[in-house]
Amino acid sequence: MSDSSPARPVVLDVWCELQCPDCRTALDDVRALRARYGDRVELRLRHFPLEKHKHSFAAAQAAEEALEQGKGWEYVEAVLAGVEELDRKGEPHLVDTARELGLDAEEFDTALIDGRHILIVDADQAEGKAIGVTGTPTYVIDGQRLDGGKSQEGLRERIEEIADRLLAADAGQ
C-alpha cells in the first residue's frame, strides 16, 4: 500500500428499523458520530424490520430507494422523525416523505409496488439474525455487536472508543 492511498474507513453497521421509536432516539448518536468522524467512519444502514411494526418492511425498501436516489440518511431521519405518521398512514407516508425531500416520489411508489429492493432487505434481516441482532438499534463495529434495543446508555462512547482505536492503529501502519 502506498502512502498516498487513503486509509480505509472504519465501518459501523447501524441495524435500524424505521418504525422504531428507539431508532429515532439513536439518531442523535448517529449524527454525533457523523460529525466527529466524517468520512473516516462509514456508517452503513442495515435493515432489521420487526414483525410487530407492519410498515417497517416497506419503510426499509423505501430507504433503499432513497439511498439509490442519493438521500439515504436524510430520508431515514425524516421517516423516523414522523414515526407516528407512519403508524397512522402507512406506505403513502413513505411516498409523501420522499416528495417533501425532493426525491422522485413516483419512483418510490413504483419501487414499493415492484419490490425491487426486497432482496436487500431480506439479506440484511437474515444476516442480522445470523449475527444475533434481536432488536433495533444495534451497532456492529470491528466484529463487536452493541445492542441499543434495551438501552442506549454509553453506546456512543463505546463506539467512539473502538473507532478511535481502529483509526489510531490504521494511522500507525
Protein backbone atom coordinates (compact mmCIF):
# COMPACT_ATOMS: atom_id res chain seq x y z
CA MET A 1 0.00 0.00 0.00
CA SER A 2 1.48 3.36 -0.99
CA ASP A 3 1.45 6.32 1.38
CA SER A 4 -0.74 8.33 -0.96
CA SER A 5 -3.72 5.98 -0.76
CA PRO A 6 -6.30 6.97 1.85
CA ALA A 7 -6.81 4.75 4.87
CA ARG A 8 -9.86 2.53 4.68
CA PRO A 9 -12.70 3.98 6.69
CA VAL A 10 -13.83 2.17 9.79
CA VAL A 11 -17.19 0.54 9.05
CA LEU A 12 -20.05 0.94 11.51
CA ASP A 13 -23.15 -1.05 10.63
CA VAL A 14 -26.30 0.53 12.05
CA TRP A 15 -29.12 -2.04 12.24
CA CYS A 16 -32.23 0.05 12.16
CA GLU A 17 -35.98 -0.18 11.82
CA LEU A 18 -37.82 2.84 10.51
CA GLN A 19 -40.93 2.37 12.63
CA CYS A 20 -38.93 2.06 15.84
CA PRO A 21 -39.02 4.94 18.36
CA ASP A 22 -35.68 3.75 19.85
CA CYS A 23 -34.06 4.20 16.43
CA ARG A 24 -35.34 7.77 16.36
CA THR A 25 -33.65 8.38 19.71
CA ALA A 26 -30.45 6.81 18.34
CA LEU A 27 -30.31 9.39 15.53
CA ASP A 28 -28.65 11.85 17.92
CA ASP A 29 -25.79 9.37 18.35
CA VAL A 30 -25.61 8.74 14.60
CA ARG A 31 -25.45 12.49 13.90
CA ALA A 32 -22.77 12.98 16.56
CA LEU A 33 -20.68 10.12 15.14
CA ARG A 34 -21.02 11.53 11.63
CA ALA A 35 -19.97 14.99 12.87
CA ARG A 36 -17.00 13.61 14.80
CA TYR A 37 -15.58 11.25 12.18
CA GLY A 38 -16.84 12.48 8.80
CA ASP A 39 -15.75 10.06 6.11
CA ARG A 40 -13.23 8.27 8.36
CA VAL A 41 -16.12 6.15 9.64
CA GLU A 42 -18.52 4.69 7.11
CA LEU A 43 -21.99 4.41 8.60
CA ARG A 44 -23.87 1.68 6.79
CA LEU A 45 -27.61 1.46 7.14
CA ARG A 46 -28.67 -2.14 7.69
CA HIS A 47 -32.31 -3.17 7.81
CA PHE A 48 -33.93 -5.18 10.56
CA PRO A 49 -37.70 -4.72 10.17
CA LEU A 50 -39.62 -6.16 13.10
CA GLU A 51 -42.88 -8.03 12.58
CA LYS A 52 -44.65 -6.03 15.29
CA HIS A 53 -44.38 -2.95 13.04
CA LYS A 54 -46.44 -3.60 9.94
CA HIS A 55 -44.95 -0.79 7.82
CA SER A 56 -41.31 -1.41 8.69
CA PHE A 57 -40.59 -3.74 5.76
CA ALA A 58 -41.96 -1.21 3.26
CA ALA A 59 -40.04 1.55 5.04
CA ALA A 60 -36.80 -0.43 4.68
CA GLN A 61 -37.44 -0.78 0.94
CA ALA A 62 -38.19 2.93 0.70
CA ALA A 63 -34.92 3.74 2.48
CA GLU A 64 -33.06 1.68 -0.12
CA GLU A 65 -34.77 3.68 -2.87
CA ALA A 66 -33.71 6.89 -1.09
CA LEU A 67 -30.10 5.62 -0.96
CA GLU A 68 -30.30 4.96 -4.68
CA GLN A 69 -31.59 8.50 -5.24
CA GLY A 70 -28.77 9.94 -3.13
CA LYS A 71 -30.53 10.92 0.11
CA GLY A 72 -30.47 7.77 2.22
CA TRP A 73 -29.74 9.07 5.70
CA GLU A 74 -31.74 12.25 5.11
CA TYR A 75 -34.74 10.06 4.26
CA VAL A 76 -34.16 7.75 7.24
CA GLU A 77 -34.10 10.77 9.57
CA ALA A 78 -37.27 12.22 8.05
CA VAL A 79 -39.20 8.93 8.32
CA LEU A 80 -38.05 8.33 11.89
CA ALA A 81 -39.00 11.90 12.82
CA GLY A 82 -42.55 11.07 11.72
CA VAL A 83 -42.82 7.59 13.18
CA GLU A 84 -46.38 8.28 14.41
CA GLU A 85 -47.40 9.39 10.91
CA LEU A 86 -46.01 6.15 9.50
CA ASP A 87 -48.01 4.21 12.11
CA ARG A 88 -51.17 6.02 11.03
CA LYS A 89 -50.77 6.45 7.26
CA GLY A 90 -48.52 3.57 6.23
CA GLU A 91 -46.98 3.47 2.76
CA PRO A 92 -48.49 6.75 1.48
CA HIS A 93 -46.46 8.49 4.22
CA LEU A 94 -43.25 6.96 2.79
CA VAL A 95 -44.03 8.38 -0.64
CA ASP A 96 -45.05 11.79 0.80
CA THR A 97 -41.76 11.97 2.74
CA ALA A 98 -39.82 11.29 -0.46
CA ARG A 99 -41.73 14.08 -2.23
CA GLU A 100 -41.01 16.52 0.64
CA LEU A 101 -37.27 15.80 0.29
CA GLY A 102 -37.39 16.49 -3.45
CA LEU A 103 -36.94 12.84 -4.39
CA ASP A 104 -38.78 11.13 -7.24
CA ALA A 105 -41.95 10.12 -5.39
CA GLU A 106 -43.37 8.23 -8.39
CA GLU A 107 -40.24 6.08 -8.41
CA PHE A 108 -40.75 5.37 -4.69
CA ASP A 109 -44.29 4.30 -5.37
CA THR A 110 -43.15 2.03 -8.19
CA ALA A 111 -40.30 0.59 -6.10
CA LEU A 112 -42.74 -0.34 -3.32
CA ILE A 113 -45.04 -1.99 -5.85
CA ASP A 114 -42.41 -3.87 -7.87
CA GLY A 115 -40.39 -4.89 -4.80
CA ARG A 116 -37.01 -4.12 -6.41
CA HIS A 117 -35.33 -3.68 -3.01
CA ILE A 118 -36.86 -6.69 -1.21
CA LEU A 119 -33.77 -8.87 -1.67
CA ILE A 120 -31.51 -6.30 0.02
CA VAL A 121 -33.88 -6.01 2.99
CA ASP A 122 -34.25 -9.81 3.23
CA ALA A 123 -30.47 -10.28 3.08
CA ASP A 124 -29.90 -7.69 5.81
CA GLN A 125 -32.54 -9.29 8.01
CA ALA A 126 -31.06 -12.76 7.51
CA GLU A 127 -27.54 -11.53 8.26
CA GLY A 128 -28.79 -9.68 11.32
CA LYS A 129 -30.45 -12.83 12.68
CA ALA A 130 -27.29 -14.83 11.92
CA ILE A 131 -25.09 -12.49 13.98
CA GLY A 132 -27.55 -12.24 16.86
CA VAL A 133 -29.39 -8.98 16.22
CA THR A 134 -32.69 -9.23 18.09
CA GLY A 135 -33.83 -5.62 18.21
CA THR A 136 -33.03 -2.15 16.99
CA PRO A 137 -30.94 -0.11 17.09
CA THR A 138 -27.98 -2.47 17.11
CA TYR A 139 -24.48 -1.44 16.06
CA VAL A 140 -21.68 -3.63 14.78
CA ILE A 141 -18.13 -2.28 14.65
CA ASP A 142 -14.95 -4.34 14.36
CA GLY A 143 -16.97 -7.54 14.82
CA GLN A 144 -18.48 -6.36 18.10
CA ARG A 145 -22.24 -6.18 18.45
CA LEU A 146 -23.59 -3.36 20.62
CA ASP A 147 -27.29 -3.72 21.36
CA GLY A 148 -29.18 -0.45 21.75
CA GLY A 149 -32.62 -2.06 21.76
CA LYS A 150 -32.66 -2.36 25.55
CA SER A 151 -30.56 0.67 26.49
CA GLN A 152 -28.53 3.17 24.52
CA GLU A 153 -26.69 4.31 27.63
CA GLY A 154 -22.95 4.57 26.97
CA LEU A 155 -23.20 3.09 23.47
CA ARG A 156 -21.85 6.10 21.60
CA GLU A 157 -18.84 6.28 23.93
CA ARG A 158 -18.17 2.56 23.34
CA ILE A 159 -18.40 3.04 19.54
CA GLU A 160 -16.03 6.04 19.77
CA GLU A 161 -13.53 4.02 21.84
CA ILE A 162 -13.46 1.25 19.24
CA ALA A 163 -13.38 3.65 16.26
CA ASP A 164 -10.56 5.71 17.82
CA ARG A 165 -8.55 2.56 18.47
CA LEU A 166 -9.05 1.30 14.91
CA LEU A 167 -8.22 4.69 13.35
CA ALA A 168 -5.09 5.03 15.52
CA ALA A 169 -3.96 1.52 14.52
CA ASP A 170 -4.62 2.34 10.88
CA ALA A 171 -2.65 5.59 11.10
CA GLY A 172 0.27 3.77 12.72
CA GLN A 173 0.70 1.28 9.86
